[in-house]
Amino acid sequence: MDITYNPIELFREFRTRTKVILIVWTVFNLLISGMYLFGAGAPFLNTLIFFLIWELAIWGYYVYRYNWKQRHKVGEWIDAIIFAVIAATVIRSLFIEAYQIPTSSMEKSLMVGDFLFVSKINYGARLPMTPISFPFAHHTMPGTDDTKSYVEGFQMPYYRIPGFQKIKNGDVVVFNWPDERLDRPVDKKENYIKRCVAIPGDTLQVIDGQVWINGVAEKVPTMRQFEYEVKTNVPDLPKRFYDEHDITDRYQFDPSVPIHYLHLTDESRKAVQTNPNVVSCDTNLHRKGQDGHGTLFPFSKQHVWSRDFYGPLVIPKKGVTVALDSANYYIYERLIQVYENHPDFQMRGTKFFMGDEEITSYTFEMNYYFMMGDNRHNSLDSRAWGFVPEDHIVGKALFVAFSIKHDITRRPVYNQFGQMVGQEEIKKFKGIRWNRIFMGIE
């Protein structure tokens, strides 16, 4: 069979259904490219390259399907793989994507081993900012630790297609971790999942572990957990007790001392308190200043906060102007310099400058959000690294599709001075959580 690469002749040879698909694809591609060009202000050359890459992808697929597929023994497999890559890339980029929960920061709302689907369209799909990358890989090539899976030199500006809802207080949101310092593009930063406790314009404060938004106590997540110091009259409670009440987050500093630190929901706390071998069960609250001024955002001696006594803090809102002072400089410094791309913003003495120009106020260019894990005492969240900019938002968590259970034991890790510096996790497969399959996320 003679093969022609003249697009007009190729198009004439295609079946009617294929022609319709190509036309629809081209219109779709033009719409996306138009959003980049006119909505995000992308350079014309970059937009043209993006358009041509996606046109060549679908044309290449059909050229292979019509002219080469039957010439290979594995033609059907290659055809299926190419189609799957194209379809999955579009679906994952603009509609829905699967994620796995790797840590216990959202226990018990979301559990380690949960596989969930995240909608890109609820809040509006964010167009790819790093559009040339290896299929099905996030930031590194499969099987490697540091080989990039994307072409860093080809970047597109941030643009979000209008969604059908806005982020609201209490939503469980997937986002790119803004505090990552590995110089990756925004959409290639590590994915995190937390609960949005405060939206733009809100005033947040945490008192005795209770979150308050604009002076009103938050609607407490059903499966929220706190850390409790539990004293027992035996070395440890039976493992079957922990299994029965699904207590997975626990550790003990000194095995010779019957003091345990358990992360419990309200329900499991009641079970612990009524256990005859428990002497006391007290919330392990951190008082003001207990976490120090170097470990919590905004890392300032003027903000002596802790994980349980935090704020008050106003969440930045697009278009709102704030007067700058020596206290809020530390709150907004990274926001202005990094997220809003003004690296020349700085404080000199008691004055503020954007380059050589002195300024007294600043108007926010994006909306920001404050995220917290439902496992309130075991979550690296906005209390530790600050706000999440709107361009880092990935999507809304919808439901758990599948869940694998592991038997997890933790033991403290100490440095050479005998100080606890972390925990080591030991996992053992224990089965499938059938009751969580297709479970909605509250």
Protein backbone atom coordinates (compact mmCIF):
# COMPACT_ATOMS: atom_id res chain seq x y z
CA MET A 1 0.00 0.00 0.00
CA ASP A 2 1.36 3.42 -0.94
CA ILE A 3 1.48 5.80 1.96
CA THR A 4 0.92 9.50 1.47
CA TYR A 5 1.72 12.15 4.07
CA ASN A 6 -0.26 14.92 2.41
CA PRO A 7 -2.79 15.89 5.11
CA ILE A 8 -5.56 16.64 2.59
CA GLU A 9 -5.13 13.29 0.82
CA LEU A 10 -4.92 11.49 4.17
CA PHE A 11 -8.12 13.13 5.34
CA ARG A 12 -9.95 12.06 2.16
CA GLU A 13 -8.95 8.43 2.74
CA PHE A 14 -10.24 8.31 6.30
CA ARG A 15 -13.67 6.92 7.12
CA THR A 16 -16.47 9.33 8.01
CA ARG A 17 -16.27 8.53 11.73
CA THR A 18 -12.54 9.22 11.74
CA LYS A 19 -13.07 12.53 9.96
CA VAL A 20 -15.64 13.57 12.57
CA ILE A 21 -13.23 12.66 15.40
CA LEU A 22 -10.41 14.66 13.78
CA ILE A 23 -12.64 17.69 13.31
CA VAL A 24 -13.90 17.54 16.91
CA TRP A 25 -10.32 17.09 18.17
CA THR A 26 -9.08 20.07 16.14
CA VAL A 27 -11.88 22.29 17.44
CA PHE A 28 -11.12 21.13 21.00
CA ASN A 29 -7.41 21.77 20.45
CA LEU A 30 -8.14 25.25 19.10
CA LEU A 31 -10.26 26.05 22.16
CA ILE A 32 -7.53 24.96 24.56
CA SER A 33 -4.88 26.84 22.58
CA GLY A 34 -7.11 29.93 22.56
CA MET A 35 -7.40 29.76 26.35
CA TYR A 36 -3.62 29.64 26.63
CA LEU A 37 -3.13 32.49 24.15
CA PHE A 38 -5.91 34.90 25.10
CA GLY A 39 -6.82 33.78 28.63
CA ALA A 40 -3.37 33.17 30.09
CA GLY A 41 -1.36 35.43 27.79
CA ALA A 42 0.92 32.62 26.62
CA PRO A 43 3.52 33.47 23.95
CA PHE A 44 2.21 32.80 20.44
CA LEU A 45 5.14 30.48 19.59
CA ASN A 46 4.57 28.34 22.70
CA THR A 47 0.86 28.16 21.94
CA LEU A 48 1.54 27.15 18.34
CA ILE A 49 3.96 24.42 19.44
CA PHE A 50 1.38 23.09 21.90
CA PHE A 51 -1.31 23.05 19.21
CA LEU A 52 0.95 21.26 16.70
CA ILE A 53 2.07 18.63 19.21
CA TRP A 54 -1.53 17.67 20.00
CA GLU A 55 -2.56 17.72 16.35
CA LEU A 56 0.37 15.50 15.42
CA ALA A 57 -0.50 13.10 18.23
CA ILE A 58 -4.00 12.35 16.93
CA TRP A 59 -2.98 12.44 13.25
CA GLY A 60 -0.04 10.15 13.98
CA TYR A 61 -2.36 7.71 15.69
CA TYR A 62 -4.73 7.48 12.71
CA VAL A 63 -1.90 7.33 10.16
CA TYR A 64 -0.55 4.36 12.08
CA ARG A 65 -3.98 2.78 12.38
CA TYR A 66 -4.75 3.04 8.63
CA ASN A 67 -1.32 2.36 7.17
CA TRP A 68 0.87 0.42 9.60
CA LYS A 69 -1.35 -1.45 12.05
CA GLN A 70 -1.88 -4.52 9.84
CA ARG A 71 1.82 -4.81 9.01
CA HIS A 72 2.83 -5.80 12.56
CA LYS A 73 2.00 -8.92 14.53
CA VAL A 74 1.50 -6.78 17.59
CA GLY A 75 -0.32 -4.03 15.69
CA GLU A 76 -3.48 -4.36 17.77
CA TRP A 77 -1.46 -3.96 20.99
CA ILE A 78 0.39 -0.89 19.71
CA ASP A 79 -2.89 0.60 18.52
CA ALA A 80 -4.47 0.05 21.93
CA ILE A 81 -1.46 1.50 23.78
CA ILE A 82 -1.30 4.66 21.66
CA PHE A 83 -5.05 5.24 22.01
CA ALA A 84 -4.89 4.63 25.78
CA VAL A 85 -2.02 7.09 26.23
CA ILE A 86 -3.80 9.86 24.31
CA ALA A 87 -7.17 9.28 25.97
CA ALA A 88 -5.73 8.92 29.46
CA THR A 89 -3.62 12.06 29.09
CA VAL A 90 -6.65 14.15 28.15
CA ILE A 91 -8.84 12.61 30.87
CA ARG A 92 -6.17 12.93 33.59
CA SER A 93 -5.31 16.50 32.61
CA LEU A 94 -8.79 17.96 32.30
CA PHE A 95 -11.40 15.68 33.89
CA ILE A 96 -10.54 13.11 36.56
CA GLU A 97 -7.47 11.39 37.98
CA ALA A 98 -6.70 8.63 40.48
CA TYR A 99 -4.49 9.19 43.54
CA GLN A 100 -3.25 7.05 46.40
CA ILE A 101 -3.14 8.13 50.05
CA PRO A 102 0.47 7.57 51.24
CA THR A 103 0.37 9.05 54.79
CA SER A 104 -1.94 9.17 57.78
CA SER A 105 -2.44 12.96 57.87
CA MET A 106 -6.13 12.57 56.90
CA GLU A 107 -6.93 9.53 59.07
CA LYS A 108 -9.62 8.35 59.55
CA SER A 109 -11.44 10.32 56.87
CA LEU A 110 -8.94 9.02 54.32
CA MET A 111 -6.67 6.14 55.19
CA VAL A 112 -3.26 4.95 54.12
CA GLY A 113 -3.89 2.60 51.21
CA ASP A 114 -6.98 4.37 49.89
CA PHE A 115 -7.13 4.90 46.12
CA LEU A 116 -9.41 7.79 45.29
CA PHE A 117 -10.67 9.69 42.28
CA VAL A 118 -10.17 13.43 42.12
CA SER A 119 -12.30 15.68 39.90
CA LYS A 120 -10.51 18.37 37.89
CA ILE A 121 -13.74 19.95 36.63
CA ASN A 122 -15.49 20.81 39.92
CA TYR A 123 -13.22 23.78 40.59
CA GLY A 124 -12.29 24.14 36.92
CA ALA A 125 -9.53 22.17 35.21
CA ARG A 126 -6.09 23.76 35.39
CA LEU A 127 -4.52 23.61 31.94
CA PRO A 128 -1.15 21.81 31.95
CA MET A 129 1.66 24.18 32.84
CA THR A 130 4.28 21.61 31.84
CA PRO A 131 2.54 19.97 28.88
CA ILE A 132 5.39 17.81 27.53
CA SER A 133 5.94 14.90 29.91
CA PHE A 134 6.16 11.12 30.05
CA PRO A 135 2.67 9.52 30.19
CA PHE A 136 1.38 8.38 33.60
CA ALA A 137 4.41 9.83 35.45
CA HIS A 138 4.19 12.83 37.73
CA HIS A 139 7.65 14.34 38.23
CA THR A 140 10.14 11.47 37.96
CA MET A 141 10.51 8.59 35.54
CA PRO A 142 9.19 5.24 36.84
CA GLY A 143 11.89 3.26 38.64
CA THR A 144 14.14 6.28 39.19
CA ASP A 145 14.60 8.75 42.02
CA ASP A 146 15.74 11.89 40.23
CA THR A 147 15.24 11.52 36.45
CA LYS A 148 12.74 14.16 35.38
CA SER A 149 9.68 12.91 33.52
CA TYR A 150 8.97 16.25 31.87
CA VAL A 151 10.57 18.82 29.57
CA GLU A 152 11.30 21.69 31.92
CA GLY A 153 12.23 24.16 29.18
CA PHE A 154 8.73 24.26 27.69
CA GLN A 155 6.32 25.97 30.08
CA MET A 156 2.85 27.46 29.73
CA PRO A 157 1.32 30.07 32.08
CA TYR A 158 -1.37 29.33 34.62
CA TYR A 159 -4.97 29.26 33.41
CA ARG A 160 -8.01 27.55 34.89
CA ILE A 161 -11.12 26.64 32.89
CA PRO A 162 -14.22 27.92 34.75
CA GLY A 163 -15.65 25.21 37.03
CA PHE A 164 -19.17 24.72 38.34
CA GLN A 165 -18.32 25.35 41.99
CA LYS A 166 -15.82 27.20 44.17
CA ILE A 167 -13.76 25.70 46.98
CA LYS A 168 -15.73 25.96 50.19
CA ASN A 169 -14.89 25.42 53.83
CA GLY A 170 -14.64 21.72 54.61
CA ASP A 171 -13.85 20.48 51.08
CA VAL A 172 -11.19 17.80 50.76
CA VAL A 173 -8.76 19.15 48.17
CA VAL A 174 -5.75 17.83 46.26
CA PHE A 175 -3.06 20.42 45.56
CA ASN A 176 0.61 20.75 44.69
CA TRP A 177 2.68 21.30 47.83
CA PRO A 178 3.60 25.00 47.63
CA ASP A 179 6.54 24.83 50.03
CA GLU A 180 8.47 22.27 47.98
CA ARG A 181 11.98 23.67 47.42
CA LEU A 182 13.17 21.41 44.56
CA ASP A 183 12.63 24.01 41.81
CA ARG A 184 10.02 21.89 40.03
CA PRO A 185 7.29 23.58 37.98
CA VAL A 186 4.09 24.21 39.93
CA ASP A 187 2.14 21.31 38.39
CA LYS A 188 5.04 18.91 38.99
CA LYS A 189 5.39 19.57 42.70
CA GLU A 190 4.40 16.78 45.09
CA ASN A 191 0.65 16.18 45.42
CA TYR A 192 -0.87 16.70 48.86
CA ILE A 193 -4.42 16.16 50.09
CA LYS A 194 -5.94 18.05 53.02
CA ARG A 195 -9.18 19.62 54.15
CA CYS A 196 -9.70 23.28 53.29
CA VAL A 197 -10.57 24.89 56.64
CA ALA A 198 -10.37 28.53 55.51
CA ILE A 199 -11.03 30.23 52.17
CA PRO A 200 -9.96 33.68 50.86
CA GLY A 201 -11.01 36.49 53.18
CA ASP A 202 -11.60 34.24 56.21
CA THR A 203 -10.05 34.91 59.61
CA LEU A 204 -8.75 31.68 61.13
CA GLN A 205 -7.85 30.95 64.72
CA VAL A 206 -7.16 27.72 66.60
CA ILE A 207 -7.91 27.71 70.34
CA ASP A 208 -7.44 24.56 72.44
CA GLY A 209 -7.26 22.57 69.20
CA GLN A 210 -10.65 23.89 68.03
CA VAL A 211 -10.62 25.71 64.68
CA TRP A 212 -12.61 28.94 64.55
CA ILE A 213 -13.48 30.64 61.24
CA ASN A 214 -14.68 34.25 61.45
CA GLY A 215 -15.50 33.69 65.11
CA VAL A 216 -17.57 30.55 64.49
CA ALA A 217 -16.40 27.04 65.42
CA GLU A 218 -15.76 24.91 62.33
CA LYS A 219 -18.04 22.02 61.48
CA VAL A 220 -15.94 19.21 62.90
CA PRO A 221 -15.09 16.40 60.42
CA THR A 222 -16.76 13.19 61.56
CA MET A 223 -13.52 11.23 61.70
CA ARG A 224 -11.16 13.95 62.94
CA GLN A 225 -8.38 12.69 65.19
CA PHE A 226 -6.33 14.20 68.01
CA GLU A 227 -3.29 12.87 69.81
CA TYR A 228 -3.85 11.65 73.37
CA GLU A 229 -1.42 10.75 76.12
CA VAL A 230 -2.67 7.45 77.50
CA LYS A 231 -1.35 5.97 80.75
CA THR A 232 -2.01 2.30 81.37
CA ASN A 233 -1.53 -0.08 84.28
CA VAL A 234 -0.10 -2.70 81.92
CA PRO A 235 2.84 -2.41 79.48
CA ASP A 236 0.45 -2.05 76.54
CA LEU A 237 -3.12 -2.66 75.50
CA PRO A 238 -3.83 -5.85 73.52
CA LYS A 239 -3.31 -5.66 69.78
CA ARG A 240 -6.84 -6.99 69.24
CA PHE A 241 -8.16 -3.92 71.10
CA TYR A 242 -6.31 -1.61 68.70
CA ASP A 243 -7.57 -3.63 65.72
CA GLU A 244 -11.15 -3.69 66.98
CA HIS A 245 -11.26 0.10 67.30
CA ASP A 246 -9.09 0.77 64.23
CA ILE A 247 -6.37 2.57 66.20
CA THR A 248 -3.41 2.64 63.82
CA ASP A 249 -1.53 5.83 64.73
CA ARG A 250 0.29 5.10 67.98
CA TYR A 251 3.76 5.19 69.46
CA GLN A 252 5.61 4.93 72.74
CA PHE A 253 8.80 6.82 73.64
CA ASP A 254 10.07 4.35 76.23
CA PRO A 255 8.82 0.72 76.25
CA SER A 256 9.59 0.49 79.97
CA VAL A 257 7.15 3.32 80.77
CA PRO A 258 3.40 2.58 80.22
CA ILE A 259 2.68 5.92 78.54
CA HIS A 260 1.36 5.71 74.98
CA TYR A 261 0.53 8.38 72.43
CA LEU A 262 -2.56 7.41 70.47
CA HIS A 263 -4.28 9.29 67.65
CA LEU A 264 -8.01 8.84 68.27
CA THR A 265 -11.38 9.86 66.88
CA ASP A 266 -14.09 10.83 69.36
CA GLU A 267 -15.47 7.30 69.13
CA SER A 268 -12.18 5.47 69.66
CA ARG A 269 -11.29 7.88 72.50
CA LYS A 270 -14.42 6.78 74.38
CA ALA A 271 -13.39 3.14 73.91
CA VAL A 272 -9.93 3.86 75.31
CA GLN A 273 -11.27 5.83 78.27
CA THR A 274 -13.59 2.98 79.27
CA ASN A 275 -10.90 0.30 78.98
CA PRO A 276 -10.19 -1.06 82.50
CA ASN A 277 -6.43 -1.02 81.88
CA VAL A 278 -6.37 2.73 81.11
CA VAL A 279 -5.48 5.04 83.99
CA SER A 280 -5.85 8.33 82.13
CA CYS A 281 -6.43 9.64 78.60
CA ASP A 282 -5.57 13.32 78.10
CA THR A 283 -5.46 15.40 74.92
CA ASN A 284 -1.83 16.16 74.08
CA LEU A 285 -2.30 19.89 73.43
CA HIS A 286 0.65 22.10 72.58
CA ARG A 287 0.51 25.39 74.46
CA LYS A 288 1.45 28.74 72.94
CA GLY A 289 5.13 28.78 72.08
CA GLN A 290 5.55 25.05 72.68
CA ASP A 291 6.33 24.41 69.00
CA GLY A 292 8.80 27.31 68.92
CA HIS A 293 9.04 30.18 66.44
CA GLY A 294 11.11 28.18 63.97
CA THR A 295 8.81 25.26 63.21
CA LEU A 296 5.42 26.81 62.38
CA PHE A 297 4.39 29.32 59.75
CA PRO A 298 5.15 32.25 59.66
CA PHE A 299 8.45 31.38 61.41
CA SER A 300 8.62 34.68 63.29
CA LYS A 301 9.32 35.59 66.92
CA GLN A 302 6.33 37.90 66.66
CA HIS A 303 4.03 34.91 66.06
CA VAL A 304 4.53 32.57 69.00
CA TRP A 305 1.92 30.04 67.93
CA SER A 306 1.51 26.28 68.33
CA ARG A 307 -0.44 23.60 66.50
CA ASP A 308 -3.33 23.97 68.99
CA PHE A 309 -3.13 27.73 69.63
CA TYR A 310 -2.70 29.34 66.24
CA GLY A 311 -3.56 32.75 64.81
CA PRO A 312 -5.60 34.84 64.35
CA LEU A 313 -4.65 34.84 60.68
CA VAL A 314 -6.45 36.49 57.74
CA ILE A 315 -6.43 34.40 54.54
CA PRO A 316 -5.34 36.53 51.51
CA LYS A 317 -8.00 37.25 48.88
CA LYS A 318 -7.48 38.36 45.29
CA GLY A 319 -7.92 42.11 44.88
CA VAL A 320 -7.74 42.89 48.62
CA THR A 321 -5.13 45.47 49.66
CA VAL A 322 -3.30 45.19 52.99
CA ALA A 323 -1.15 47.76 54.76
CA LEU A 324 2.33 46.34 55.29
CA ASP A 325 3.94 46.24 58.73
CA SER A 326 6.78 44.39 60.43
CA ALA A 327 4.44 41.64 61.67
CA ASN A 328 2.61 40.72 58.47
CA TYR A 329 5.80 40.97 56.41
CA TYR A 330 6.69 37.46 57.59
CA ILE A 331 3.20 36.23 56.73
CA TYR A 332 3.22 37.61 53.19
CA GLU A 333 6.94 37.51 52.33
CA ARG A 334 7.00 34.16 50.47
CA LEU A 335 3.53 34.78 49.04
CA ILE A 336 4.65 38.01 47.35
CA GLN A 337 8.18 36.96 46.44
CA VAL A 338 7.52 33.43 45.15
CA TYR A 339 3.84 32.74 44.51
CA GLU A 340 3.13 36.15 42.95
CA ASN A 341 6.58 36.42 41.38
CA HIS A 342 7.96 39.60 42.94
CA PRO A 343 11.41 38.41 44.09
CA ASP A 344 12.55 42.02 44.62
CA PHE A 345 10.04 42.57 47.46
CA GLN A 346 11.85 43.08 50.77
CA MET A 347 11.86 44.88 54.09
CA ARG A 348 14.71 47.29 54.81
CA GLY A 349 14.64 48.45 58.38
CA THR A 350 11.03 49.43 58.97
CA LYS A 351 10.24 50.22 55.32
CA PHE A 352 9.10 48.01 52.43
CA PHE A 353 10.36 48.02 48.87
CA MET A 354 9.47 46.52 45.51
CA GLY A 355 12.86 46.83 43.89
CA ASP A 356 13.90 50.46 44.50
CA GLU A 357 10.34 51.70 44.93
CA GLU A 358 9.09 52.13 48.48
CA ILE A 359 5.60 50.72 49.08
CA THR A 360 3.29 50.84 52.08
CA SER A 361 0.63 48.38 50.95
CA TYR A 362 0.16 45.38 48.68
CA THR A 363 -2.79 44.10 46.63
CA PHE A 364 -3.05 40.31 46.31
CA GLU A 365 -3.06 38.91 42.77
CA MET A 366 -4.42 35.44 43.64
CA ASN A 367 -6.74 33.72 46.07
CA TYR A 368 -5.24 31.60 48.85
CA TYR A 369 -6.45 28.75 51.04
CA PHE A 370 -5.57 27.30 54.44
CA MET A 371 -5.41 23.49 54.57
CA MET A 372 -5.34 21.12 57.54
CA GLY A 373 -5.28 17.36 57.89
CA ASP A 374 -8.09 15.63 59.77
CA ASN A 375 -5.42 13.89 61.85
CA ARG A 376 -4.85 17.25 63.52
CA HIS A 377 -1.78 16.27 65.55
CA ASN A 378 -0.03 14.29 62.84
CA SER A 379 -0.34 16.45 59.74
CA LEU A 380 2.20 18.53 57.86
CA ASP A 381 -0.21 21.24 56.73
CA SER A 382 -0.68 25.00 56.41
CA ARG A 383 0.25 25.47 60.05
CA ALA A 384 3.72 24.25 59.08
CA TRP A 385 4.21 25.93 55.68
CA GLY A 386 1.48 28.48 55.06
CA PHE A 387 -1.04 29.27 52.35
CA VAL A 388 -1.95 27.30 49.22
CA PRO A 389 -2.17 29.59 46.14
CA GLU A 390 -5.04 29.04 43.71
CA ASP A 391 -2.66 28.03 40.90
CA HIS A 392 -1.53 25.05 43.03
CA ILE A 393 -5.07 23.61 43.32
CA VAL A 394 -5.45 20.28 41.46
CA GLY A 395 -9.00 19.20 42.19
CA LYS A 396 -11.70 17.95 44.54
CA ALA A 397 -11.58 14.48 46.09
CA LEU A 398 -14.78 12.62 45.14
CA PHE A 399 -14.77 9.02 46.33
CA VAL A 400 -12.58 6.08 47.36
CA ALA A 401 -12.39 3.56 44.54
CA PHE A 402 -10.33 0.90 46.32
CA SER A 403 -8.55 0.48 49.64
CA ILE A 404 -5.71 -1.75 50.82
CA LYS A 405 -5.11 -2.32 54.51
CA HIS A 406 -1.67 -2.65 56.04
CA ASP A 407 -0.67 -3.59 59.55
CA ILE A 408 1.48 -0.59 60.42
CA THR A 409 3.76 -0.44 63.41
CA ARG A 410 5.77 2.63 64.29
CA ARG A 411 8.84 2.98 66.40
CA PRO A 412 10.66 6.18 67.33
CA VAL A 413 13.95 7.11 65.69
CA TYR A 414 16.55 8.85 67.87
CA ASN A 415 19.63 10.91 67.00
CA GLN A 416 23.05 10.57 68.62
CA PHE A 417 21.92 12.81 71.51
CA GLY A 418 19.02 10.55 72.40
CA GLN A 419 16.43 12.95 70.99
CA MET A 420 13.45 11.63 69.03
CA VAL A 421 13.75 12.87 65.45
CA GLY A 422 11.00 10.90 63.76
CA GLN A 423 9.23 7.59 63.41
CA GLU A 424 9.99 4.51 61.34
CA GLU A 425 7.01 2.77 59.76
CA ILE A 426 6.88 -0.97 59.22
CA LYS A 427 4.08 -2.09 56.88
CA LYS A 428 2.62 -5.53 56.38
CA PHE A 429 -0.23 -6.25 53.93
CA LYS A 430 -3.36 -7.21 55.81
CA GLY A 431 -6.11 -7.31 53.20
CA ILE A 432 -8.69 -5.18 51.39
CA ARG A 433 -11.06 -2.76 53.11
CA TRP A 434 -14.21 -3.83 51.28
CA ASN A 435 -16.42 -1.38 53.20
CA ARG A 436 -14.49 1.59 51.78
CA ILE A 437 -14.84 0.71 48.08
CA PHE A 438 -16.83 3.44 46.27
CA MET A 439 -17.18 5.31 49.55
CA GLY A 440 -17.94 9.03 49.17
CA ILE A 441 -15.63 11.57 50.79
CA GLU A 442 -17.16 13.92 53.34
